[in-house]
Amino acid sequence: MRHNQAIGKMGEDSAVKFLEKKGYSILFKNWRCEYGELDIVGLKNEQLVFFEVKTRTGIRYGWPEESVTLLKQEHLLNCANTFFDHYPQYEKYSWQIDVIAIMVNSRDADKFQITQFENAVTDR
């Protein structure tokens, strides 16, 4: 596994733990469709949330949340709509797309900061 892939996996695993502590039930991880991937799909209080997780070890290339470009947002919206085509039983829930930004201390991977940007991607 390449370094970036390992950092990404660590970030997603950390995000799952963070979300479970906040009361989310994790329904899917790395759900793929023709438009891309939903990193995490969670449910809490009758609200379905699609999570995009971005992990960085520094700001050389910008903050993690800044990497969710307009094109990426379009892909996430397409993925969310495709998700409902595959799982119509979840259509009864309201939904949103959140971004989980993780900054890792590159010298100590056990130290990181997680920020949740709620309803960060909308088509409204």
PDB file of N, CA and C in Angstrom:
ATOM      1  N   MET A   1       0.847  -1.174   0.000  1.00  0.00           N
ATOM      2  CA  MET A   1       0.000   0.000   0.000  1.00  0.00           C
ATOM      3  C   MET A   1       0.898   1.245   0.000  1.00  0.00           C
ATOM      4  N   ARG A   2       0.617   2.157  -0.893  1.00  0.00           N
ATOM      5  CA  ARG A   2       1.394   3.390  -0.970  1.00  0.00           C
ATOM      6  C   ARG A   2       1.111   4.281   0.238  1.00  0.00           C
ATOM      7  N   HIS A   3       2.022   5.228   0.487  1.00  0.00           N
ATOM      8  CA  HIS A   3       1.909   6.126   1.643  1.00  0.00           C
ATOM      9  C   HIS A   3       0.573   6.866   1.644  1.00  0.00           C
ATOM     10  N   ASN A   4       0.192   7.459   0.506  1.00  0.00           N
ATOM     11  CA  ASN A   4      -1.064   8.210   0.440  1.00  0.00           C
ATOM     12  C   ASN A   4      -2.270   7.317   0.707  1.00  0.00           C
ATOM     13  N   GLN A   5      -2.228   6.090   0.194  1.00  0.00           N
ATOM     14  CA  GLN A   5      -3.322   5.155   0.439  1.00  0.00           C
ATOM     15  C   GLN A   5      -3.398   4.797   1.920  1.00  0.00           C
ATOM     16  N   ALA A   6      -2.242   4.599   2.540  1.00  0.00           N
ATOM     17  CA  ALA A   6      -2.207   4.263   3.965  1.00  0.00           C
ATOM     18  C   ALA A   6      -2.754   5.428   4.803  1.00  0.00           C
ATOM     19  N   ILE A   7      -2.377   6.652   4.460  1.00  0.00           N
ATOM     20  CA  ILE A   7      -2.890   7.827   5.173  1.00  0.00           C
ATOM     21  C   ILE A   7      -4.399   7.924   4.974  1.00  0.00           C
ATOM     22  N   GLY A   8      -4.865   7.708   3.755  1.00  0.00           N
ATOM     23  CA  GLY A   8      -6.301   7.751   3.467  1.00  0.00           C
ATOM     24  C   GLY A   8      -7.074   6.707   4.243  1.00  0.00           C
ATOM     25  N   LYS A   9      -6.551   5.485   4.301  1.00  0.00           N
ATOM     26  CA  LYS A   9      -7.227   4.412   5.050  1.00  0.00           C
ATOM     27  C   LYS A   9      -7.258   4.736   6.534  1.00  0.00           C
ATOM     28  N   MET A  10      -6.142   5.235   7.057  1.00  0.00           N
ATOM     29  CA  MET A  10      -6.093   5.625   8.465  1.00  0.00           C
ATOM     30  C   MET A  10      -7.125   6.720   8.739  1.00  0.00           C
ATOM     31  N   GLY A  11      -7.237   7.678   7.817  1.00  0.00           N
ATOM     32  CA  GLY A  11      -8.204   8.748   7.974  1.00  0.00           C
ATOM     33  C   GLY A  11      -9.638   8.235   7.986  1.00  0.00           C
ATOM     34  N   GLU A  12      -9.959   7.332   7.075  1.00  0.00           N
ATOM     35  CA  GLU A  12     -11.314   6.781   7.016  1.00  0.00           C
ATOM     36  C   GLU A  12     -11.627   5.959   8.264  1.00  0.00           C
ATOM     37  N   ASP A  13     -10.661   5.173   8.722  1.00  0.00           N
ATOM     38  CA  ASP A  13     -10.870   4.394   9.953  1.00  0.00           C
ATOM     39  C   ASP A  13     -11.083   5.323  11.150  1.00  0.00           C
ATOM     40  N   SER A  14     -10.312   6.396  11.216  1.00  0.00           N
ATOM     41  CA  SER A  14     -10.467   7.370  12.305  1.00  0.00           C
ATOM     42  C   SER A  14     -11.808   8.072  12.211  1.00  0.00           C
ATOM     43  N   ALA A  15     -12.240   8.375  10.993  1.00  0.00           N
ATOM     44  CA  ALA A  15     -13.533   9.026  10.791  1.00  0.00           C
ATOM     45  C   ALA A  15     -14.677   8.125  11.261  1.00  0.00           C
ATOM     46  N   VAL A  16     -14.578   6.835  10.969  1.00  0.00           N
ATOM     47  CA  VAL A  16     -15.613   5.895  11.413  1.00  0.00           C
ATOM     48  C   VAL A  16     -15.718   5.905  12.942  1.00  0.00           C
ATOM     49  N   LYS A  17     -14.588   5.828  13.626  1.00  0.00           N
ATOM     50  CA  LYS A  17     -14.598   5.859  15.099  1.00  0.00           C
ATOM     51  C   LYS A  17     -15.187   7.163  15.618  1.00  0.00           C
ATOM     52  N   PHE A  18     -14.790   8.281  15.016  1.00  0.00           N
ATOM     53  CA  PHE A  18     -15.295   9.602  15.378  1.00  0.00           C
ATOM     54  C   PHE A  18     -16.822   9.661  15.222  1.00  0.00           C
ATOM     55  N   LEU A  19     -17.318   9.162  14.092  1.00  0.00           N
ATOM     56  CA  LEU A  19     -18.752   9.216  13.820  1.00  0.00           C
ATOM     57  C   LEU A  19     -19.538   8.274  14.729  1.00  0.00           C
ATOM     58  N   GLU A  20     -18.994   7.102  14.994  1.00  0.00           N
ATOM     59  CA  GLU A  20     -19.669   6.174  15.910  1.00  0.00           C
ATOM     60  C   GLU A  20     -19.783   6.788  17.308  1.00  0.00           C
ATOM     61  N   LYS A  21     -18.744   7.486  17.755  1.00  0.00           N
ATOM     62  CA  LYS A  21     -18.802   8.159  19.060  1.00  0.00           C
ATOM     63  C   LYS A  21     -19.868   9.249  19.080  1.00  0.00           C
ATOM     64  N   LYS A  22     -20.138   9.831  17.906  1.00  0.00           N
ATOM     65  CA  LYS A  22     -21.159  10.872  17.798  1.00  0.00           C
ATOM     66  C   LYS A  22     -22.561  10.290  17.612  1.00  0.00           C
ATOM     67  N   GLY A  23     -22.662   8.956  17.599  1.00  0.00           N
ATOM     68  CA  GLY A  23     -23.973   8.314  17.530  1.00  0.00           C
ATOM     69  C   GLY A  23     -24.425   7.877  16.150  1.00  0.00           C
ATOM     70  N   TYR A  24     -23.546   7.929  15.158  1.00  0.00           N
ATOM     71  CA  TYR A  24     -23.909   7.479  13.814  1.00  0.00           C
ATOM     72  C   TYR A  24     -23.799   5.967  13.718  1.00  0.00           C
ATOM     73  N   SER A  25     -24.732   5.358  13.020  1.00  0.00           N
ATOM     74  CA  SER A  25     -24.616   3.962  12.619  1.00  0.00           C
ATOM     75  C   SER A  25     -23.986   3.967  11.236  1.00  0.00           C
ATOM     76  N   ILE A  26     -22.915   3.250  11.079  1.00  0.00           N
ATOM     77  CA  ILE A  26     -22.226   3.201   9.788  1.00  0.00           C
ATOM     78  C   ILE A  26     -22.861   2.093   8.949  1.00  0.00           C
ATOM     79  N   LEU A  27     -23.429   2.479   7.811  1.00  0.00           N
ATOM     80  CA  LEU A  27     -24.115   1.525   6.944  1.00  0.00           C
ATOM     81  C   LEU A  27     -23.198   0.954   5.876  1.00  0.00           C
ATOM     82  N   PHE A  28     -22.356   1.801   5.302  1.00  0.00           N
ATOM     83  CA  PHE A  28     -21.455   1.383   4.226  1.00  0.00           C
ATOM     84  C   PHE A  28     -20.143   2.146   4.329  1.00  0.00           C
ATOM     85  N   LYS A  29     -19.075   1.489   3.909  1.00  0.00           N
ATOM     86  CA  LYS A  29     -17.774   2.137   3.737  1.00  0.00           C
ATOM     87  C   LYS A  29     -17.337   1.879   2.305  1.00  0.00           C
ATOM     88  N   ASN A  30     -16.790   2.897   1.674  1.00  0.00           N
ATOM     89  CA  ASN A  30     -16.253   2.794   0.319  1.00  0.00           C
ATOM     90  C   ASN A  30     -17.265   2.228  -0.677  1.00  0.00           C
ATOM     91  N   TRP A  31     -18.479   2.806  -0.654  1.00  0.00           N
ATOM     92  CA  TRP A  31     -19.523   2.384  -1.590  1.00  0.00           C
ATOM     93  C   TRP A  31     -19.234   2.999  -2.956  1.00  0.00           C
ATOM     94  N   ARG A  32     -19.099   2.134  -3.962  1.00  0.00           N
ATOM     95  CA  ARG A  32     -18.689   2.591  -5.293  1.00  0.00           C
ATOM     96  C   ARG A  32     -19.834   2.508  -6.297  1.00  0.00           C
ATOM     97  N   CYS A  33     -19.800   3.455  -7.228  1.00  0.00           N
ATOM     98  CA  CYS A  33     -20.705   3.438  -8.372  1.00  0.00           C
ATOM     99  C   CYS A  33     -19.974   4.040  -9.558  1.00  0.00           C
ATOM    100  N   GLU A  34     -20.662   4.198 -10.673  1.00  0.00           N
ATOM    101  CA  GLU A  34     -19.990   4.700 -11.877  1.00  0.00           C
ATOM    102  C   GLU A  34     -19.510   6.143 -11.755  1.00  0.00           C
ATOM    103  N   TYR A  35     -19.994   6.880 -10.754  1.00  0.00           N
ATOM    104  CA  TYR A  35     -19.596   8.283 -10.579  1.00  0.00           C
ATOM    105  C   TYR A  35     -18.450   8.456  -9.585  1.00  0.00           C
ATOM    106  N   GLY A  36     -18.095   7.396  -8.907  1.00  0.00           N
ATOM    107  CA  GLY A  36     -17.026   7.491  -7.917  1.00  0.00           C
ATOM    108  C   GLY A  36     -17.337   6.676  -6.683  1.00  0.00           C
ATOM    109  N   GLU A  37     -17.025   7.261  -5.532  1.00  0.00           N
ATOM    110  CA  GLU A  37     -17.134   6.527  -4.280  1.00  0.00           C
ATOM    111  C   GLU A  37     -17.679   7.420  -3.169  1.00  0.00           C
ATOM    112  N   LEU A  38     -18.512   6.824  -2.334  1.00  0.00           N
ATOM    113  CA  LEU A  38     -18.933   7.451  -1.086  1.00  0.00           C
ATOM    114  C   LEU A  38     -18.083   6.806   0.003  1.00  0.00           C
ATOM    115  N   ASP A  39     -17.253   7.602   0.667  1.00  0.00           N
ATOM    116  CA  ASP A  39     -16.325   7.038   1.650  1.00  0.00           C
ATOM    117  C   ASP A  39     -17.069   6.344   2.788  1.00  0.00           C
ATOM    118  N   ILE A  40     -18.069   7.039   3.345  1.00  0.00           N
ATOM    119  CA  ILE A  40     -18.842   6.488   4.460  1.00  0.00           C
ATOM    120  C   ILE A  40     -20.297   6.898   4.281  1.00  0.00           C
ATOM    121  N   VAL A  41     -21.196   5.960   4.540  1.00  0.00           N
ATOM    122  CA  VAL A  41     -22.626   6.265   4.575  1.00  0.00           C
ATOM    123  C   VAL A  41     -23.092   5.944   5.984  1.00  0.00           C
ATOM    124  N   GLY A  42     -23.657   6.953   6.653  1.00  0.00           N
ATOM    125  CA  GLY A  42     -24.091   6.780   8.033  1.00  0.00           C
ATOM    126  C   GLY A  42     -25.526   7.222   8.244  1.00  0.00           C
ATOM    127  N   LEU A  43     -26.076   6.793   9.357  1.00  0.00           N
ATOM    128  CA  LEU A  43     -27.455   7.132   9.706  1.00  0.00           C
ATOM    129  C   LEU A  43     -27.497   7.550  11.165  1.00  0.00           C
ATOM    130  N   LYS A  44     -28.184   8.667  11.422  1.00  0.00           N
ATOM    131  CA  LYS A  44     -28.350   9.152  12.793  1.00  0.00           C
ATOM    132  C   LYS A  44     -29.635   9.965  12.857  1.00  0.00           C
ATOM    133  N   ASN A  45     -30.486   9.637  13.810  1.00  0.00           N
ATOM    134  CA  ASN A  45     -31.730  10.389  14.024  1.00  0.00           C
ATOM    135  C   ASN A  45     -32.536  10.570  12.743  1.00  0.00           C
ATOM    136  N   GLU A  46     -32.751   9.472  12.027  1.00  0.00           N
ATOM    137  CA  GLU A  46     -33.558   9.502  10.808  1.00  0.00           C
ATOM    138  C   GLU A  46     -32.939  10.369   9.702  1.00  0.00           C
ATOM    139  N   GLN A  47     -31.646  10.616   9.779  1.00  0.00           N
ATOM    140  CA  GLN A  47     -30.937  11.404   8.761  1.00  0.00           C
ATOM    141  C   GLN A  47     -29.826  10.546   8.169  1.00  0.00           C
ATOM    142  N   LEU A  48     -29.866  10.397   6.854  1.00  0.00           N
ATOM    143  CA  LEU A  48     -28.828   9.668   6.140  1.00  0.00           C
ATOM    144  C   LEU A  48     -27.739  10.672   5.764  1.00  0.00           C
ATOM    145  N   VAL A  49     -26.495  10.325   6.040  1.00  0.00           N
ATOM    146  CA  VAL A  49     -25.392  11.240   5.742  1.00  0.00           C
ATOM    147  C   VAL A  49     -24.333  10.496   4.932  1.00  0.00           C
ATOM    148  N   PHE A  50     -23.964  11.120   3.816  1.00  0.00           N
ATOM    149  CA  PHE A  50     -22.866  10.640   2.987  1.00  0.00           C
ATOM    150  C   PHE A  50     -21.642  11.453   3.379  1.00  0.00           C
ATOM    151  N   PHE A  51     -20.563  10.775   3.728  1.00  0.00           N
ATOM    152  CA  PHE A  51     -19.356  11.454   4.205  1.00  0.00           C
ATOM    153  C   PHE A  51     -18.229  11.320   3.198  1.00  0.00           C
ATOM    154  N   GLU A  52     -17.627  12.446   2.877  1.00  0.00           N
ATOM    155  CA  GLU A  52     -16.396  12.483   2.091  1.00  0.00           C
ATOM    156  C   GLU A  52     -15.278  12.756   3.085  1.00  0.00           C
ATOM    157  N   VAL A  53     -14.303  11.857   3.154  1.00  0.00           N
ATOM    158  CA  VAL A  53     -13.203  11.988   4.110  1.00  0.00           C
ATOM    159  C   VAL A  53     -11.947  12.430   3.369  1.00  0.00           C
ATOM    160  N   LYS A  54     -11.346  13.505   3.852  1.00  0.00           N
ATOM    161  CA  LYS A  54     -10.100  14.011   3.274  1.00  0.00           C
ATOM    162  C   LYS A  54      -9.065  14.106   4.385  1.00  0.00           C
ATOM    163  N   THR A  55      -7.925  13.462   4.175  1.00  0.00           N
ATOM    164  CA  THR A  55      -6.865  13.413   5.185  1.00  0.00           C
ATOM    165  C   THR A  55      -5.592  14.007   4.603  1.00  0.00           C
ATOM    166  N   ARG A  56      -4.937  14.837   5.389  1.00  0.00           N
ATOM    167  CA  ARG A  56      -3.681  15.457   4.975  1.00  0.00           C
ATOM    168  C   ARG A  56      -2.671  15.385   6.124  1.00  0.00           C
ATOM    169  N   THR A  57      -1.389  15.370   5.745  1.00  0.00           N
ATOM    170  CA  THR A  57      -0.323  15.399   6.756  1.00  0.00           C
ATOM    171  C   THR A  57       0.316  16.781   6.834  1.00  0.00           C
ATOM    172  N   GLY A  58      -0.160  17.704   6.044  1.00  0.00           N
ATOM    173  CA  GLY A  58       0.334  19.074   6.057  1.00  0.00           C
ATOM    174  C   GLY A  58      -0.485  19.910   5.103  1.00  0.00           C
ATOM    175  N   ILE A  59      -0.210  21.214   5.077  1.00  0.00           N
ATOM    176  CA  ILE A  59      -1.013  22.105   4.232  1.00  0.00           C
ATOM    177  C   ILE A  59      -0.287  22.521   2.953  1.00  0.00           C
ATOM    178  N   ARG A  60       0.751  21.805   2.617  1.00  0.00           N
ATOM    179  CA  ARG A  60       1.492  22.114   1.389  1.00  0.00           C
ATOM    180  C   ARG A  60       0.567  22.191   0.175  1.00  0.00           C
ATOM    181  N   TYR A  61      -0.421  21.296   0.129  1.00  0.00           N
ATOM    182  CA  TYR A  61      -1.368  21.268  -0.988  1.00  0.00           C
ATOM    183  C   TYR A  61      -2.736  21.806  -0.565  1.00  0.00           C
ATOM    184  N   GLY A  62      -2.777  22.526   0.546  1.00  0.00           N
ATOM    185  CA  GLY A  62      -4.031  23.102   1.027  1.00  0.00           C
ATOM    186  C   GLY A  62      -4.637  22.277   2.153  1.00  0.00           C
ATOM    187  N   TRP A  63      -5.644  22.844   2.756  1.00  0.00           N
ATOM    188  CA  TRP A  63      -6.360  22.162   3.834  1.00  0.00           C
ATOM    189  C   TRP A  63      -7.176  21.009   3.251  1.00  0.00           C
ATOM    190  N   PRO A  64      -7.427  19.973   4.032  1.00  0.00           N
ATOM    191  CA  PRO A  64      -8.134  18.808   3.492  1.00  0.00           C
ATOM    192  C   PRO A  64      -9.465  19.166   2.834  1.00  0.00           C
ATOM    193  N   GLU A  65     -10.247  19.999   3.491  1.00  0.00           N
ATOM    194  CA  GLU A  65     -11.577  20.339   2.971  1.00  0.00           C
ATOM    195  C   GLU A  65     -11.510  21.112   1.656  1.00  0.00           C
ATOM    196  N   GLU A  66     -10.375  21.762   1.391  1.00  0.00           N
ATOM    197  CA  GLU A  66     -10.235  22.518   0.148  1.00  0.00           C
ATOM    198  C   GLU A  66     -10.107  21.614  -1.079  1.00  0.00           C
ATOM    199  N   SER A  67      -9.838  20.340  -0.857  1.00  0.00           N
ATOM    200  CA  SER A  67      -9.675  19.425  -1.982  1.00  0.00           C
ATOM    201  C   SER A  67     -11.008  18.881  -2.495  1.00  0.00           C
ATOM    202  N   VAL A  68     -12.098  19.284  -1.882  1.00  0.00           N
ATOM    203  CA  VAL A  68     -13.419  18.875  -2.375  1.00  0.00           C
ATOM    204  C   VAL A  68     -13.849  19.931  -3.399  1.00  0.00           C
ATOM    205  N   THR A  69     -13.363  19.743  -4.617  1.00  0.00           N
ATOM    206  CA  THR A  69     -13.590  20.694  -5.701  1.00  0.00           C
ATOM    207  C   THR A  69     -15.042  20.651  -6.191  1.00  0.00           C
ATOM    208  N   LEU A  70     -15.394  21.594  -7.049  1.00  0.00           N
ATOM    209  CA  LEU A  70     -16.742  21.591  -7.629  1.00  0.00           C
ATOM    210  C   LEU A  70     -17.002  20.299  -8.400  1.00  0.00           C
ATOM    211  N   LEU A  71     -16.002  19.811  -9.113  1.00  0.00           N
ATOM    212  CA  LEU A  71     -16.160  18.545  -9.838  1.00  0.00           C
ATOM    213  C   LEU A  71     -16.391  17.397  -8.861  1.00  0.00           C
ATOM    214  N   LYS A  72     -15.619  17.362  -7.769  1.00  0.00           N
ATOM    215  CA  LYS A  72     -15.798  16.318  -6.757  1.00  0.00           C
ATOM    216  C   LYS A  72     -17.189  16.420  -6.139  1.00  0.00           C
ATOM    217  N   GLN A  73     -17.658  17.636  -5.886  1.00  0.00           N
ATOM    218  CA  GLN A  73     -18.999  17.821  -5.325  1.00  0.00           C
ATOM    219  C   GLN A  73     -20.060  17.278  -6.270  1.00  0.00           C
ATOM    220  N   GLU A  74     -19.886  17.518  -7.561  1.00  0.00           N
ATOM    221  CA  GLU A  74     -20.829  16.990  -8.551  1.00  0.00           C
ATOM    222  C   GLU A  74     -20.831  15.465  -8.526  1.00  0.00           C
ATOM    223  N   HIS A  75     -19.648  14.868  -8.432  1.00  0.00           N
ATOM    224  CA  HIS A  75     -19.548  13.401  -8.366  1.00  0.00           C
ATOM    225  C   HIS A  75     -20.228  12.877  -7.105  1.00  0.00           C
ATOM    226  N   LEU A  76     -20.045  13.558  -5.977  1.00  0.00           N
ATOM    227  CA  LEU A  76     -20.673  13.127  -4.730  1.00  0.00           C
ATOM    228  C   LEU A  76     -22.191  13.184  -4.833  1.00  0.00           C
ATOM    229  N   LEU A  77     -22.717  14.244  -5.432  1.00  0.00           N
ATOM    230  CA  LEU A  77     -24.173  14.357  -5.609  1.00  0.00           C
ATOM    231  C   LEU A  77     -24.687  13.251  -6.521  1.00  0.00           C
ATOM    232  N   ASN A  78     -23.962  12.962  -7.602  1.00  0.00           N
ATOM    233  CA  ASN A  78     -24.353  11.875  -8.500  1.00  0.00           C
ATOM    234  C   ASN A  78     -24.294  10.529  -7.786  1.00  0.00           C
ATOM    235  N   CYS A  79     -23.260  10.326  -6.968  1.00  0.00           N
ATOM    236  CA  CYS A  79     -23.150   9.079  -6.192  1.00  0.00           C
ATOM    237  C   CYS A  79     -24.329   8.947  -5.227  1.00  0.00           C
ATOM    238  N   ALA A  80     -24.660  10.031  -4.542  1.00  0.00           N
ATOM    239  CA  ALA A  80     -25.775   9.986  -3.582  1.00  0.00           C
ATOM    240  C   ALA A  80     -27.072   9.615  -4.289  1.00  0.00           C
ATOM    241  N   ASN A  81     -27.335  10.230  -5.424  1.00  0.00           N
ATOM    242  CA  ASN A  81     -28.567   9.912  -6.156  1.00  0.00           C
ATOM    243  C   ASN A  81     -28.559   8.475  -6.670  1.00  0.00           C
ATOM    244  N   THR A  82     -27.407   7.996  -7.096  1.00  0.00           N
ATOM    245  CA  THR A  82     -27.287   6.610  -7.555  1.00  0.00           C
ATOM    246  C   THR A  82     -27.471   5.642  -6.389  1.00  0.00           C
ATOM    247  N   PHE A  83     -26.998   6.026  -5.210  1.00  0.00           N
ATOM    248  CA  PHE A  83     -27.179   5.200  -4.014  1.00  0.00           C
ATOM    249  C   PHE A  83     -28.658   4.878  -3.812  1.00  0.00           C
ATOM    250  N   PHE A  84     -29.509   5.884  -3.967  1.00  0.00           N
ATOM    251  CA  PHE A  84     -30.948   5.664  -3.772  1.00  0.00           C
ATOM    252  C   PHE A  84     -31.543   4.763  -4.845  1.00  0.00           C
ATOM    253  N   ASP A  85     -30.952   4.756  -6.043  1.00  0.00           N
ATOM    254  CA  ASP A  85     -31.388   3.816  -7.077  1.00  0.00           C
ATOM    255  C   ASP A  85     -31.126   2.383  -6.639  1.00  0.00           C
ATOM    256  N   HIS A  86     -30.015   2.158  -5.940  1.00  0.00           N
ATOM    257  CA  HIS A  86     -29.636   0.818  -5.488  1.00  0.00           C
ATOM    258  C   HIS A  86     -30.312   0.427  -4.177  1.00  0.00           C
ATOM    259  N   TYR A  87     -30.610   1.418  -3.342  1.00  0.00           N
ATOM    260  CA  TYR A  87     -31.176   1.158  -2.015  1.00  0.00           C
ATOM    261  C   TYR A  87     -32.387   2.056  -1.777  1.00  0.00           C
ATOM    262  N   PRO A  88     -33.486   1.781  -2.484  1.00  0.00           N
ATOM    263  CA  PRO A  88     -34.667   2.648  -2.355  1.00  0.00           C
ATOM    264  C   PRO A  88     -35.263   2.659  -0.942  1.00  0.00           C
ATOM    265  N   GLN A  89     -34.926   1.688  -0.122  1.00  0.00           N
ATOM    266  CA  GLN A  89     -35.451   1.666   1.251  1.00  0.00           C
ATOM    267  C   GLN A  89     -34.959   2.856   2.073  1.00  0.00           C
ATOM    268  N   TYR A  90     -33.893   3.522   1.623  1.00  0.00           N
ATOM    269  CA  TYR A  90     -33.370   4.681   2.354  1.00  0.00           C
ATOM    270  C   TYR A  90     -33.956   6.009   1.871  1.00  0.00           C
ATOM    271  N   GLU A  91     -34.812   5.963   0.842  1.00  0.00           N
ATOM    272  CA  GLU A  91     -35.399   7.190   0.315  1.00  0.00           C
ATOM    273  C   GLU A  91     -36.298   7.898   1.327  1.00  0.00           C
ATOM    274  N   LYS A  92     -36.749   7.190   2.338  1.00  0.00           N
ATOM    275  CA  LYS A  92     -37.639   7.794   3.340  1.00  0.00           C
ATOM    276  C   LYS A  92     -36.897   8.764   4.261  1.00  0.00           C
ATOM    277  N   TYR A  93     -35.584   8.724   4.261  1.00  0.00           N
ATOM    278  CA  TYR A  93     -34.790   9.586   5.142  1.00  0.00           C
ATOM    279  C   TYR A  93     -34.388  10.884   4.438  1.00  0.00           C
ATOM    280  N   SER A  94     -34.308  11.949   5.210  1.00  0.00           N
ATOM    281  CA  SER A  94     -33.673  13.151   4.674  1.00  0.00           C
ATOM    282  C   SER A  94     -32.176  12.842   4.584  1.00  0.00           C
ATOM    283  N   TRP A  95     -31.453  13.595   3.764  1.00  0.00           N
ATOM    284  CA  TRP A  95     -30.043  13.277   3.585  1.00  0.00           C
ATOM    285  C   TRP A  95     -29.224  14.530   3.350  1.00  0.00           C
ATOM    286  N   GLN A  96     -27.939  14.372   3.560  1.00  0.00           N
ATOM    287  CA  GLN A  96     -26.990  15.449   3.307  1.00  0.00           C
ATOM    288  C   GLN A  96     -25.619  14.849   3.061  1.00  0.00           C
ATOM    289  N   ILE A  97     -24.721  15.707   2.565  1.00  0.00           N
ATOM    290  CA  ILE A  97     -23.335  15.295   2.334  1.00  0.00           C
ATOM    291  C   ILE A  97     -22.445  16.143   3.228  1.00  0.00           C
ATOM    292  N   ASP A  98     -21.675  15.479   4.078  1.00  0.00           N
ATOM    293  CA  ASP A  98     -20.738  16.146   4.976  1.00  0.00           C
ATOM    294  C   ASP A  98     -19.307  15.843   4.527  1.00  0.00           C
ATOM    295  N   VAL A  99     -18.406  16.731   4.889  1.00  0.00           N
ATOM    296  CA  VAL A  99     -16.987  16.496   4.657  1.00  0.00           C
ATOM    297  C   VAL A  99     -16.312  16.337   6.013  1.00  0.00           C
ATOM    298  N   ILE A 100     -15.514  15.295   6.133  1.00  0.00           N
ATOM    299  CA  ILE A 100     -14.696  15.065   7.322  1.00  0.00           C
ATOM    300  C   ILE A 100     -13.260  15.392   6.935  1.00  0.00           C
ATOM    301  N   ALA A 101     -12.706  16.435   7.552  1.00  0.00           N
ATOM    302  CA  ALA A 101     -11.338  16.860   7.273  1.00  0.00           C
ATOM    303  C   ALA A 101     -10.441  16.413   8.418  1.00  0.00           C
ATOM    304  N   ILE A 102      -9.358  15.734   8.072  1.00  0.00           N
ATOM    305  CA  ILE A 102      -8.442  15.210   9.085  1.00  0.00           C
ATOM    306  C   ILE A 102      -7.037  15.715   8.796  1.00  0.00           C
ATOM    307  N   MET A 103      -6.446  16.363   9.788  1.00  0.00           N
ATOM    308  CA  MET A 103      -5.050  16.797   9.714  1.00  0.00           C
ATOM    309  C   MET A 103      -4.247  15.895  10.640  1.00  0.00           C
ATOM    310  N   VAL A 104      -3.270  15.222  10.071  1.00  0.00           N
ATOM    311  CA  VAL A 104      -2.439  14.283  10.820  1.00  0.00           C
ATOM    312  C   VAL A 104      -1.083  14.925  11.076  1.00  0.00           C
ATOM    313  N   ASN A 105      -0.585  14.766  12.285  1.00  0.00           N
ATOM    314  CA  ASN A 105       0.787  15.177  12.585  1.00  0.00           C
ATOM    315  C   ASN A 105       1.685  14.128  11.949  1.00  0.00           C
ATOM    316  N   SER A 106       2.431  14.510  10.936  1.00  0.00           N
ATOM    317  CA  SER A 106       3.201  13.531  10.160  1.00  0.00           C
ATOM    318  C   SER A 106       4.249  12.798  10.997  1.00  0.00           C
ATOM    319  N   ARG A 107       4.650  13.375  12.128  1.00  0.00           N
ATOM    320  CA  ARG A 107       5.638  12.699  12.979  1.00  0.00           C
ATOM    321  C   ARG A 107       4.985  11.725  13.951  1.00  0.00           C
ATOM    322  N   ASP A 108       3.710  11.930  14.217  1.00  0.00           N
ATOM    323  CA  ASP A 108       3.007  11.069  15.168  1.00  0.00           C
ATOM    324  C   ASP A 108       1.594  10.846  14.647  1.00  0.00           C
ATOM    325  N   ALA A 109       1.428   9.765  13.867  1.00  0.00           N
ATOM    326  CA  ALA A 109       0.146   9.508  13.198  1.00  0.00           C
ATOM    327  C   ALA A 109      -1.003   9.287  14.180  1.00  0.00           C
ATOM    328  N   ASP A 110      -0.692   9.065  15.471  1.00  0.00           N
ATOM    329  CA  ASP A 110      -1.761   8.899  16.455  1.00  0.00           C
ATOM    330  C   ASP A 110      -2.345  10.234  16.879  1.00  0.00           C
ATOM    331  N   LYS A 111      -1.708  11.327  16.463  1.00  0.00           N
ATOM    332  CA  LYS A 111      -2.203  12.656  16.815  1.00  0.00           C
ATOM    333  C   LYS A 111      -2.781  13.310  15.573  1.00  0.00           C
ATOM    334  N   PHE A 112      -4.061  13.622  15.636  1.00  0.00           N
ATOM    335  CA  PHE A 112      -4.711  14.237  14.492  1.00  0.00           C
ATOM    336  C   PHE A 112      -5.911  15.053  14.956  1.00  0.00           C
ATOM    337  N   GLN A 113      -6.333  15.933  14.076  1.00  0.00           N
ATOM    338  CA  GLN A 113      -7.487  16.783  14.347  1.00  0.00           C
ATOM    339  C   GLN A 113      -8.562  16.456  13.315  1.00  0.00           C
ATOM    340  N   ILE A 114      -9.783  16.195  13.786  1.00  0.00           N
ATOM    341  CA  ILE A 114     -10.901  15.888  12.902  1.00  0.00           C
ATOM    342  C   ILE A 114     -11.916  17.026  12.979  1.00  0.00           C
ATOM    343  N   THR A 115     -12.334  17.501  11.807  1.00  0.00           N
ATOM    344  CA  THR A 115     -13.379  18.517  11.726  1.00  0.00           C
ATOM    345  C   THR A 115     -14.468  18.007  10.796  1.00  0.00           C
ATOM    346  N   GLN A 116     -15.713  18.107  11.250  1.00  0.00           N
ATOM    347  CA  GLN A 116     -16.857  17.712  10.434  1.00  0.00           C
ATOM    348  C   GLN A 116     -17.540  18.962   9.897  1.00  0.00           C
ATOM    349  N   PHE A 117     -17.600  19.064   8.582  1.00  0.00           N
ATOM    350  CA  PHE A 117     -18.322  20.158   7.917  1.00  0.00           C
ATOM    351  C   PHE A 117     -19.667  19.620   7.487  1.00  0.00           C
ATOM    352  N   GLU A 118     -20.705  19.970   8.238  1.00  0.00           N
ATOM    353  CA  GLU A 118     -22.031  19.421   7.974  1.00  0.00           C
ATOM    354  C   GLU A 118     -22.678  20.105   6.779  1.00  0.00           C
ATOM    355  N   ASN A 119     -23.394  19.280   5.990  1.00  0.00           N
ATOM    356  CA  ASN A 119     -24.121  19.761   4.825  1.00  0.00           C
ATOM    357  C   ASN A 119     -23.214  20.600   3.916  1.00  0.00           C
ATOM    358  N   ALA A 120     -21.998  20.118   3.723  1.00  0.00           N
ATOM    359  CA  ALA A 120     -20.963  20.870   3.008  1.00  0.00           C
ATOM    360  C   ALA A 120     -21.165  20.878   1.493  1.00  0.00           C
ATOM    361  N   VAL A 121     -21.879  19.893   0.976  1.00  0.00           N
ATOM    362  CA  VAL A 121     -22.103  19.789  -0.464  1.00  0.00           C
ATOM    363  C   VAL A 121     -23.608  19.789  -0.712  1.00  0.00           C
ATOM    364  N   THR A 122     -24.050  20.773  -1.455  1.00  0.00           N
ATOM    365  CA  THR A 122     -25.491  20.839  -1.774  1.00  0.00           C
ATOM    366  C   THR A 122     -25.672  21.156  -3.258  1.00  0.00           C
ATOM    367  N   ASP A 123     -26.829  20.828  -3.753  1.00  0.00           N
ATOM    368  CA  ASP A 123     -27.170  21.218  -5.125  1.00  0.00           C
ATOM    369  C   ASP A 123     -28.250  22.293  -5.094  1.00  0.00           C
ATOM    370  N   ARG A 124     -28.465  22.842  -3.900  1.00  0.00           N
ATOM    371  CA  ARG A 124     -29.526  23.834  -3.740  1.00  0.00           C
ATOM    372  C   ARG A 124     -28.963  25.226  -3.846  1.00  0.00           C
TER     373      ARG A 124
END
